[in-house]
PDB file of N, CA and C in Angstrom:
ATOM      1  N   MET A   1       0.839  -1.195  -0.047  1.00  0.00           N
ATOM      2  CA  MET A   1      -0.008   0.145   0.059  1.00  0.00           C
ATOM      3  C   MET A   1       0.912   1.312  -0.033  1.00  0.00           C
ATOM      4  N   ALA A   2       0.554   2.186  -0.899  1.00  0.00           N
ATOM      5  CA  ALA A   2       1.447   3.300  -0.907  1.00  0.00           C
ATOM      6  C   ALA A   2       0.884   4.496  -0.056  1.00  0.00           C
ATOM      7  N   GLU A   3       1.501   4.978   0.732  1.00  0.00           N
ATOM      8  CA  GLU A   3       1.197   6.189   1.629  1.00  0.00           C
ATOM      9  C   GLU A   3       1.509   7.490   0.816  1.00  0.00           C
ATOM     10  N   SER A   4       0.463   8.453   1.444  1.00  0.00           N
ATOM     11  CA  SER A   4       0.538   9.569   0.736  1.00  0.00           C
ATOM     12  C   SER A   4       1.792  10.275   1.436  1.00  0.00           C
ATOM     13  N   PHE A   5       2.487  11.140   0.735  1.00  0.00           N
ATOM     14  CA  PHE A   5       3.746  11.625   1.291  1.00  0.00           C
ATOM     15  C   PHE A   5       3.336  13.200   1.293  1.00  0.00           C
ATOM     16  N   GLU A   6       3.769  14.070   2.485  1.00  0.00           N
ATOM     17  CA  GLU A   6       3.740  15.504   2.651  1.00  0.00           C
ATOM     18  C   GLU A   6       5.056  16.107   3.044  1.00  0.00           C
ATOM     19  N   CYS A   7       5.528  16.855   2.354  1.00  0.00           N
ATOM     20  CA  CYS A   7       6.931  17.301   2.730  1.00  0.00           C
ATOM     21  C   CYS A   7       6.509  18.407   3.744  1.00  0.00           C
ATOM     22  N   LYS A   8       7.052  18.005   5.207  1.00  0.00           N
ATOM     23  CA  LYS A   8       6.731  19.069   6.190  1.00  0.00           C
ATOM     24  C   LYS A   8       7.423  20.280   6.209  1.00  0.00           C
ATOM     25  N   ASN A   9       8.475  20.463   5.300  1.00  0.00           N
ATOM     26  CA  ASN A   9       9.285  21.688   5.105  1.00  0.00           C
ATOM     27  C   ASN A   9       8.293  22.706   4.537  1.00  0.00           C
ATOM     28  N   SER A  10       7.467  22.194   3.697  1.00  0.00           N
ATOM     29  CA  SER A  10       6.608  23.173   3.047  1.00  0.00           C
ATOM     30  C   SER A  10       5.307  23.679   3.836  1.00  0.00           C
ATOM     31  N   ARG A  11       5.042  23.258   4.903  1.00  0.00           N
ATOM     32  CA  ARG A  11       4.005  23.762   5.677  1.00  0.00           C
ATOM     33  C   ARG A  11       4.515  24.086   7.082  1.00  0.00           C
ATOM     34  N   GLU A  12       5.972  23.755   7.490  1.00  0.00           N
ATOM     35  CA  GLU A  12       6.366  24.128   8.753  1.00  0.00           C
ATOM     36  C   GLU A  12       7.046  25.775   8.598  1.00  0.00           C
ATOM     37  N   GLY A  13       6.894  26.484   9.467  1.00  0.00           N
ATOM     38  CA  GLY A  13       7.558  27.751   9.565  1.00  0.00           C
ATOM     39  C   GLY A  13       9.107  27.775   9.979  1.00  0.00           C
ATOM     40  N   CYS A  14       9.828  28.727  10.174  1.00  0.00           N
ATOM     41  CA  CYS A  14      11.296  28.599  10.560  1.00  0.00           C
ATOM     42  C   CYS A  14      11.312  28.164  12.119  1.00  0.00           C
ATOM     43  N   ASN A  15      10.215  28.227  13.038  1.00  0.00           N
ATOM     44  CA  ASN A  15      10.077  27.807  14.344  1.00  0.00           C
ATOM     45  C   ASN A  15       9.694  26.632  14.348  1.00  0.00           C
ATOM     46  N   GLY A  16       9.305  25.730  13.398  1.00  0.00           N
ATOM     47  CA  GLY A  16       8.718  24.277  13.474  1.00  0.00           C
ATOM     48  C   GLY A  16       7.226  24.434  13.657  1.00  0.00           C
ATOM     49  N   GLU A  17       6.442  25.628  13.731  1.00  0.00           N
ATOM     50  CA  GLU A  17       5.156  25.656  13.794  1.00  0.00           C
ATOM     51  C   GLU A  17       4.296  25.444  12.451  1.00  0.00           C
ATOM     52  N   VAL A  18       3.382  24.900  12.342  1.00  0.00           N
ATOM     53  CA  VAL A  18       2.648  24.715  11.053  1.00  0.00           C
ATOM     54  C   VAL A  18       1.847  25.821  10.716  1.00  0.00           C
ATOM     55  N   GLU A  19       2.109  26.323   9.481  1.00  0.00           N
ATOM     56  CA  GLU A  19       1.650  27.582   9.031  1.00  0.00           C
ATOM     57  C   GLU A  19       0.209  27.294   8.171  1.00  0.00           C
ATOM     58  N   GLU A  20      -0.722  28.013   8.098  1.00  0.00           N
ATOM     59  CA  GLU A  20      -1.838  27.876   7.352  1.00  0.00           C
ATOM     60  C   GLU A  20      -1.274  27.971   5.598  1.00  0.00           C
ATOM     61  N   GLN A  21      -1.864  27.193   4.940  1.00  0.00           N
ATOM     62  CA  GLN A  21      -1.576  27.455   3.642  1.00  0.00           C
ATOM     63  C   GLN A  21      -2.474  28.558   2.953  1.00  0.00           C
ATOM     64  N   LYS A  22      -1.735  29.429   2.273  1.00  0.00           N
ATOM     65  CA  LYS A  22      -2.610  30.609   1.746  1.00  0.00           C
ATOM     66  C   LYS A  22      -2.441  30.510   0.342  1.00  0.00           C
ATOM     67  N   GLY A  23      -3.759  30.965  -0.427  1.00  0.00           N
ATOM     68  CA  GLY A  23      -3.637  30.953  -1.999  1.00  0.00           C
ATOM     69  C   GLY A  23      -3.057  32.267  -2.285  1.00  0.00           C
ATOM     70  N   MET A  24      -2.376  32.101  -3.424  1.00  0.00           N
ATOM     71  CA  MET A  24      -1.826  33.286  -4.057  1.00  0.00           C
ATOM     72  C   MET A  24      -2.906  34.172  -4.728  1.00  0.00           C
ATOM     73  N   SER A  25      -2.482  35.438  -4.805  1.00  0.00           N
ATOM     74  CA  SER A  25      -3.669  36.435  -5.560  1.00  0.00           C
ATOM     75  C   SER A  25      -2.628  37.236  -6.307  1.00  0.00           C
ATOM     76  N   MET A  26      -2.991  37.354  -7.571  1.00  0.00           N
ATOM     77  CA  MET A  26      -2.275  37.746  -8.738  1.00  0.00           C
ATOM     78  C   MET A  26      -2.709  39.378  -8.933  1.00  0.00           C
ATOM     79  N   GLY A  27      -3.739  39.590  -8.391  1.00  0.00           N
ATOM     80  CA  GLY A  27      -4.309  40.953  -8.394  1.00  0.00           C
ATOM     81  C   GLY A  27      -5.156  40.882  -9.598  1.00  0.00           C
ATOM     82  N   ASP A  28      -5.218  42.136 -10.401  1.00  0.00           N
ATOM     83  CA  ASP A  28      -5.962  42.379 -11.590  1.00  0.00           C
ATOM     84  C   ASP A  28      -5.128  41.793 -12.775  1.00  0.00           C
ATOM     85  N   VAL A  29      -5.417  40.711 -13.527  1.00  0.00           N
ATOM     86  CA  VAL A  29      -4.782  40.200 -14.614  1.00  0.00           C
ATOM     87  C   VAL A  29      -5.774  40.460 -15.729  1.00  0.00           C
ATOM     88  N   GLU A  30      -5.116  41.128 -16.813  1.00  0.00           N
ATOM     89  CA  GLU A  30      -5.877  41.317 -18.085  1.00  0.00           C
ATOM     90  C   GLU A  30      -5.842  40.205 -18.765  1.00  0.00           C
ATOM     91  N   LYS A  31      -6.968  39.821 -19.509  1.00  0.00           N
ATOM     92  CA  LYS A  31      -6.971  38.629 -20.468  1.00  0.00           C
ATOM     93  C   LYS A  31      -7.227  39.218 -21.737  1.00  0.00           C
ATOM     94  N   VAL A  32      -6.209  38.840 -22.517  1.00  0.00           N
ATOM     95  CA  VAL A  32      -6.018  39.131 -24.087  1.00  0.00           C
ATOM     96  C   VAL A  32      -6.239  38.018 -25.059  1.00  0.00           C
ATOM     97  N   ASP A  33      -6.320  38.421 -26.057  1.00  0.00           N
ATOM     98  CA  ASP A  33      -6.484  37.190 -27.297  1.00  0.00           C
ATOM     99  C   ASP A  33      -5.324  37.030 -27.918  1.00  0.00           C
ATOM    100  N   ARG A  34      -4.284  37.889 -27.959  1.00  0.00           N
ATOM    101  CA  ARG A  34      -2.890  37.838 -28.304  1.00  0.00           C
ATOM    102  C   ARG A  34      -1.915  38.820 -27.793  1.00  0.00           C
ATOM    103  N   PHE A  35      -0.602  38.482 -27.992  1.00  0.00           N
ATOM    104  CA  PHE A  35       0.244  39.466 -27.403  1.00  0.00           C
ATOM    105  C   PHE A  35       1.668  39.176 -28.022  1.00  0.00           C
ATOM    106  N   CYS A  36       2.569  40.075 -28.053  1.00  0.00           N
ATOM    107  CA  CYS A  36       3.685  39.789 -28.643  1.00  0.00           C
ATOM    108  C   CYS A  36       4.747  39.607 -27.381  1.00  0.00           C
ATOM    109  N   TYR A  37       5.685  38.487 -27.697  1.00  0.00           N
ATOM    110  CA  TYR A  37       6.444  38.086 -26.568  1.00  0.00           C
ATOM    111  C   TYR A  37       7.778  37.665 -27.495  1.00  0.00           C
ATOM    112  N   LEU A  38       8.909  38.409 -27.144  1.00  0.00           N
ATOM    113  CA  LEU A  38      10.318  38.458 -28.058  1.00  0.00           C
ATOM    114  C   LEU A  38      10.107  38.212 -29.292  1.00  0.00           C
ATOM    115  N   GLY A  39       9.443  39.187 -29.925  1.00  0.00           N
ATOM    116  CA  GLY A  39       9.283  39.275 -31.365  1.00  0.00           C
ATOM    117  C   GLY A  39       8.245  38.300 -32.158  1.00  0.00           C
ATOM    118  N   ASP A  40       7.575  37.289 -31.207  1.00  0.00           N
ATOM    119  CA  ASP A  40       6.963  36.582 -31.750  1.00  0.00           C
ATOM    120  C   ASP A  40       5.184  36.758 -31.220  1.00  0.00           C
ATOM    121  N   THR A  41       4.415  36.792 -32.193  1.00  0.00           N
ATOM    122  CA  THR A  41       3.002  36.979 -31.882  1.00  0.00           C
ATOM    123  C   THR A  41       2.273  35.647 -31.217  1.00  0.00           C
ATOM    124  N   ILE A  42       1.771  35.691 -29.981  1.00  0.00           N
ATOM    125  CA  ILE A  42       1.096  34.321 -29.325  1.00  0.00           C
ATOM    126  C   ILE A  42      -0.317  34.842 -29.316  1.00  0.00           C
ATOM    127  N   ASN A  43      -1.056  33.782 -29.628  1.00  0.00           N
ATOM    128  CA  ASN A  43      -2.688  33.928 -29.564  1.00  0.00           C
ATOM    129  C   ASN A  43      -3.145  32.872 -28.491  1.00  0.00           C
ATOM    130  N   SER A  44      -4.451  33.361 -28.108  1.00  0.00           N
ATOM    131  CA  SER A  44      -4.986  32.293 -27.174  1.00  0.00           C
ATOM    132  C   SER A  44      -5.441  30.848 -27.820  1.00  0.00           C
ATOM    133  N   GLY A  45      -5.570  31.036 -28.907  1.00  0.00           N
ATOM    134  CA  GLY A  45      -5.988  29.731 -29.553  1.00  0.00           C
ATOM    135  C   GLY A  45      -4.849  28.671 -29.907  1.00  0.00           C
ATOM    136  N   GLY A  46      -3.536  29.259 -29.880  1.00  0.00           N
ATOM    137  CA  GLY A  46      -2.441  28.253 -30.093  1.00  0.00           C
ATOM    138  C   GLY A  46      -2.088  28.324 -31.364  1.00  0.00           C
ATOM    139  N   GLY A  47      -2.691  28.722 -32.404  1.00  0.00           N
ATOM    140  CA  GLY A  47      -2.201  28.653 -33.829  1.00  0.00           C
ATOM    141  C   GLY A  47      -1.216  29.761 -34.280  1.00  0.00           C
ATOM    142  N   CYS A  48      -0.592  29.528 -35.480  1.00  0.00           N
ATOM    143  CA  CYS A  48       0.580  30.334 -35.606  1.00  0.00           C
ATOM    144  C   CYS A  48       0.292  31.177 -36.786  1.00  0.00           C
ATOM    145  N   GLU A  49      -1.059  31.400 -37.340  1.00  0.00           N
ATOM    146  CA  GLU A  49      -1.396  32.235 -38.535  1.00  0.00           C
ATOM    147  C   GLU A  49      -0.980  33.705 -38.306  1.00  0.00           C
ATOM    148  N   ILE A  50      -1.260  34.183 -37.130  1.00  0.00           N
ATOM    149  CA  ILE A  50      -1.042  35.600 -36.941  1.00  0.00           C
ATOM    150  C   ILE A  50       0.489  35.819 -36.871  1.00  0.00           C
ATOM    151  N   ALA A  51       1.329  34.695 -36.166  1.00  0.00           N
ATOM    152  CA  ALA A  51       2.755  34.946 -36.038  1.00  0.00           C
ATOM    153  C   ALA A  51       3.437  34.974 -37.497  1.00  0.00           C
ATOM    154  N   VAL A  52       2.873  34.120 -38.637  1.00  0.00           N
ATOM    155  CA  VAL A  52       3.371  33.935 -39.657  1.00  0.00           C
ATOM    156  C   VAL A  52       3.025  35.340 -40.607  1.00  0.00           C
ATOM    157  N   SER A  53       1.894  35.802 -40.416  1.00  0.00           N
ATOM    158  CA  SER A  53       1.579  37.000 -41.372  1.00  0.00           C
ATOM    159  C   SER A  53       2.281  38.150 -40.627  1.00  0.00           C
ATOM    160  N   ARG A  54       2.713  38.339 -39.413  1.00  0.00           N
ATOM    161  CA  ARG A  54       3.357  39.235 -38.909  1.00  0.00           C
ATOM    162  C   ARG A  54       4.673  39.380 -39.312  1.00  0.00           C
ATOM    163  N   ARG A  55       5.209  38.223 -39.459  1.00  0.00           N
ATOM    164  CA  ARG A  55       6.775  38.100 -39.647  1.00  0.00           C
ATOM    165  C   ARG A  55       6.697  38.426 -41.298  1.00  0.00           C
ATOM    166  N   CYS A  56       5.772  37.988 -42.180  1.00  0.00           N
ATOM    167  CA  CYS A  56       5.716  38.315 -43.510  1.00  0.00           C
ATOM    168  C   CYS A  56       5.708  39.981 -43.634  1.00  0.00           C
ATOM    169  N   ARG A  57       4.763  40.653 -42.686  1.00  0.00           N
ATOM    170  CA  ARG A  57       4.891  42.108 -42.993  1.00  0.00           C
ATOM    171  C   ARG A  57       5.930  42.754 -42.612  1.00  0.00           C
ATOM    172  N   LEU A  58       6.693  42.095 -41.541  1.00  0.00           N
ATOM    173  CA  LEU A  58       7.977  42.530 -41.082  1.00  0.00           C
ATOM    174  C   LEU A  58       8.946  42.565 -42.337  1.00  0.00           C
ATOM    175  N   GLY A  59       8.972  41.260 -42.803  1.00  0.00           N
ATOM    176  CA  GLY A  59       9.983  41.010 -43.861  1.00  0.00           C
ATOM    177  C   GLY A  59       9.702  42.098 -45.142  1.00  0.00           C
ATOM    178  N   TRP A  60       8.454  42.196 -45.414  1.00  0.00           N
ATOM    179  CA  TRP A  60       8.184  43.260 -46.692  1.00  0.00           C
ATOM    180  C   TRP A  60       8.406  44.586 -46.320  1.00  0.00           C
ATOM    181  N   LYS A  61       8.212  44.870 -44.886  1.00  0.00           N
ATOM    182  CA  LYS A  61       8.714  46.383 -44.549  1.00  0.00           C
ATOM    183  C   LYS A  61      10.254  46.344 -44.580  1.00  0.00           C
ATOM    184  N   THR A  62      10.963  45.673 -44.230  1.00  0.00           N
ATOM    185  CA  THR A  62      12.439  45.560 -44.326  1.00  0.00           C
ATOM    186  C   THR A  62      12.713  45.668 -45.684  1.00  0.00           C
ATOM    187  N   PHE A  63      12.212  44.959 -46.687  1.00  0.00           N
ATOM    188  CA  PHE A  63      12.541  44.938 -47.990  1.00  0.00           C
ATOM    189  C   PHE A  63      12.255  46.285 -48.469  1.00  0.00           C
ATOM    190  N   ASN A  64      11.266  47.011 -48.235  1.00  0.00           N
ATOM    191  CA  ASN A  64      10.773  48.281 -48.852  1.00  0.00           C
ATOM    192  C   ASN A  64      11.742  49.158 -48.222  1.00  0.00           C
ATOM    193  N   GLU A  65      12.353  49.033 -47.151  1.00  0.00           N
ATOM    194  CA  GLU A  65      13.373  50.078 -46.533  1.00  0.00           C
ATOM    195  C   GLU A  65      14.505  50.000 -47.442  1.00  0.00           C
ATOM    196  N   LEU A  66      14.829  48.504 -47.964  1.00  0.00           N
ATOM    197  CA  LEU A  66      16.150  48.359 -48.448  1.00  0.00           C
ATOM    198  C   LEU A  66      15.930  48.426 -50.370  1.00  0.00           C
ATOM    199  N   VAL A  67      14.739  48.804 -50.802  1.00  0.00           N
ATOM    200  CA  VAL A  67      14.508  48.432 -51.986  1.00  0.00           C
ATOM    201  C   VAL A  67      15.570  49.450 -53.029  1.00  0.00           C
ATOM    202  N   SER A  68      16.033  50.512 -52.413  1.00  0.00           N
ATOM    203  CA  SER A  68      16.996  51.290 -53.261  1.00  0.00           C
ATOM    204  C   SER A  68      18.192  50.564 -53.531  1.00  0.00           C
ATOM    205  N   ILE A  69      18.642  49.708 -52.499  1.00  0.00           N
ATOM    206  CA  ILE A  69      19.801  49.026 -52.576  1.00  0.00           C
ATOM    207  C   ILE A  69      19.524  47.549 -53.375  1.00  0.00           C
ATOM    208  N   LEU A  70      18.381  46.980 -52.919  1.00  0.00           N
ATOM    209  CA  LEU A  70      17.964  45.735 -53.630  1.00  0.00           C
ATOM    210  C   LEU A  70      17.602  45.744 -55.222  1.00  0.00           C
ATOM    211  N   ALA A  71      16.948  46.808 -55.683  1.00  0.00           N
ATOM    212  CA  ALA A  71      16.477  47.158 -56.747  1.00  0.00           C
ATOM    213  C   ALA A  71      17.419  48.056 -57.677  1.00  0.00           C
ATOM    214  N   GLY A  72      18.288  48.555 -57.127  1.00  0.00           N
ATOM    215  CA  GLY A  72      19.313  49.604 -57.576  1.00  0.00           C
ATOM    216  C   GLY A  72      20.168  48.817 -58.710  1.00  0.00           C
ATOM    217  N   ARG A  73      21.017  49.484 -59.737  1.00  0.00           N
ATOM    218  CA  ARG A  73      21.912  49.179 -60.498  1.00  0.00           C
ATOM    219  C   ARG A  73      23.380  49.204 -60.013  1.00  0.00           C
ATOM    220  N   ARG A  74      23.536  49.926 -58.981  1.00  0.00           N
ATOM    221  CA  ARG A  74      24.796  50.360 -58.430  1.00  0.00           C
ATOM    222  C   ARG A  74      25.567  49.028 -57.935  1.00  0.00           C
ATOM    223  N   LEU A  75      24.859  47.971 -57.447  1.00  0.00           N
ATOM    224  CA  LEU A  75      25.706  46.768 -57.032  1.00  0.00           C
ATOM    225  C   LEU A  75      25.374  45.487 -57.814  1.00  0.00           C
ATOM    226  N   ILE A  76      26.120  44.737 -57.705  1.00  0.00           N
ATOM    227  CA  ILE A  76      26.059  43.334 -58.416  1.00  0.00           C
ATOM    228  C   ILE A  76      25.169  42.186 -57.701  1.00  0.00           C
ATOM    229  N   MET A  77      24.602  41.533 -58.352  1.00  0.00           N
ATOM    230  CA  MET A  77      23.455  40.579 -57.899  1.00  0.00           C
ATOM    231  C   MET A  77      23.942  39.801 -56.552  1.00  0.00           C
ATOM    232  N   ARG A  78      25.155  39.593 -56.624  1.00  0.00           N
ATOM    233  CA  ARG A  78      25.748  38.611 -55.357  1.00  0.00           C
ATOM    234  C   ARG A  78      25.584  39.376 -54.362  1.00  0.00           C
ATOM    235  N   ILE A  79      26.155  40.641 -54.370  1.00  0.00           N
ATOM    236  CA  ILE A  79      26.006  41.479 -53.124  1.00  0.00           C
ATOM    237  C   ILE A  79      24.642  41.694 -52.780  1.00  0.00           C
ATOM    238  N   LYS A  80      23.641  41.993 -53.734  1.00  0.00           N
ATOM    239  CA  LYS A  80      22.312  42.368 -53.385  1.00  0.00           C
ATOM    240  C   LYS A  80      21.664  40.924 -52.868  1.00  0.00           C
ATOM    241  N   GLY A  81      22.047  39.829 -53.107  1.00  0.00           N
ATOM    242  CA  GLY A  81      21.674  38.328 -52.506  1.00  0.00           C
ATOM    243  C   GLY A  81      22.106  38.430 -51.045  1.00  0.00           C
ATOM    244  N   LYS A  82      23.389  38.694 -50.944  1.00  0.00           N
ATOM    245  CA  LYS A  82      23.658  38.514 -49.510  1.00  0.00           C
ATOM    246  C   LYS A  82      22.975  39.654 -48.729  1.00  0.00           C
ATOM    247  N   ASN A  83      22.865  40.957 -49.246  1.00  0.00           N
ATOM    248  CA  ASN A  83      21.948  41.999 -48.256  1.00  0.00           C
ATOM    249  C   ASN A  83      20.679  41.404 -48.065  1.00  0.00           C
ATOM    250  N   TYR A  84      19.993  40.640 -49.017  1.00  0.00           N
ATOM    251  CA  TYR A  84      18.778  40.173 -48.790  1.00  0.00           C
ATOM    252  C   TYR A  84      18.693  39.013 -47.802  1.00  0.00           C
ATOM    253  N   LYS A  85      19.648  38.128 -47.821  1.00  0.00           N
ATOM    254  CA  LYS A  85      19.771  36.983 -46.845  1.00  0.00           C
ATOM    255  C   LYS A  85      19.885  37.522 -45.430  1.00  0.00           C
ATOM    256  N   VAL A  86      20.885  38.524 -45.327  1.00  0.00           N
ATOM    257  CA  VAL A  86      21.126  39.128 -44.042  1.00  0.00           C
ATOM    258  C   VAL A  86      20.201  39.965 -43.620  1.00  0.00           C
ATOM    259  N   CYS A  87      19.657  40.759 -44.268  1.00  0.00           N
ATOM    260  CA  CYS A  87      18.647  41.773 -43.682  1.00  0.00           C
ATOM    261  C   CYS A  87      17.043  41.260 -43.620  1.00  0.00           C
ATOM    262  N   VAL A  88      16.600  40.999 -44.831  1.00  0.00           N
ATOM    263  CA  VAL A  88      15.171  40.737 -45.008  1.00  0.00           C
ATOM    264  C   VAL A  88      14.988  39.204 -44.649  1.00  0.00           C
ATOM    265  N   ARG A  89      15.638  38.276 -45.104  1.00  0.00           N
ATOM    266  CA  ARG A  89      15.251  36.937 -44.864  1.00  0.00           C
ATOM    267  C   ARG A  89      15.714  36.721 -43.202  1.00  0.00           C
ATOM    268  N   ALA A  90      16.578  37.343 -42.642  1.00  0.00           N
ATOM    269  CA  ALA A  90      16.588  37.246 -41.195  1.00  0.00           C
ATOM    270  C   ALA A  90      15.397  37.486 -40.268  1.00  0.00           C
ATOM    271  N   VAL A  91      14.992  38.583 -40.780  1.00  0.00           N
ATOM    272  CA  VAL A  91      13.756  39.245 -40.314  1.00  0.00           C
ATOM    273  C   VAL A  91      12.592  38.222 -40.309  1.00  0.00           C
ATOM    274  N   MET A  92      12.366  37.722 -41.500  1.00  0.00           N
ATOM    275  CA  MET A  92      11.259  36.778 -41.816  1.00  0.00           C
ATOM    276  C   MET A  92      11.305  35.503 -41.190  1.00  0.00           C
ATOM    277  N   VAL A  93      12.375  34.944 -40.889  1.00  0.00           N
ATOM    278  CA  VAL A  93      12.461  33.744 -40.287  1.00  0.00           C
ATOM    279  C   VAL A  93      12.828  33.810 -38.668  1.00  0.00           C
ATOM    280  N   TYR A  94      13.035  34.911 -38.180  1.00  0.00           N
ATOM    281  CA  TYR A  94      13.504  35.165 -36.738  1.00  0.00           C
ATOM    282  C   TYR A  94      12.416  34.292 -35.782  1.00  0.00           C
ATOM    283  N   GLY A  95      12.685  33.537 -35.046  1.00  0.00           N
ATOM    284  CA  GLY A  95      11.789  33.024 -34.159  1.00  0.00           C
ATOM    285  C   GLY A  95      11.018  31.589 -34.541  1.00  0.00           C
ATOM    286  N   SER A  96      11.181  31.529 -35.872  1.00  0.00           N
ATOM    287  CA  SER A  96      10.381  30.531 -36.848  1.00  0.00           C
ATOM    288  C   SER A  96      10.712  29.146 -36.089  1.00  0.00           C
ATOM    289  N   GLU A  97      11.928  28.883 -35.576  1.00  0.00           N
ATOM    290  CA  GLU A  97      12.098  27.578 -34.900  1.00  0.00           C
ATOM    291  C   GLU A  97      11.310  27.194 -33.832  1.00  0.00           C
ATOM    292  N   THR A  98      10.663  28.095 -33.102  1.00  0.00           N
ATOM    293  CA  THR A  98       9.702  27.751 -32.158  1.00  0.00           C
ATOM    294  C   THR A  98       8.367  27.592 -32.444  1.00  0.00           C
TER     295      THR A  98
END
């Protein structure tokens, strides 16, 4: 027969007296449908559609900021490709491994 085990350190105070267990209060916590955490959008449903569309928008925004370099005729294609990989693609795939 397995006996239930209770750690007495969790209920005893510093002087050995048993303390009452009290519930934690978080105060007023706001419930939201989605929020941005470390550059990734997390929603309450657990899907990734919002995060993917946000990454695409940020990628296009970065591309539009660099369009003079990427579409200009001053640089050769190899340099443009490196700029795209470093600047635009890095923004689009940031955090995608999660």
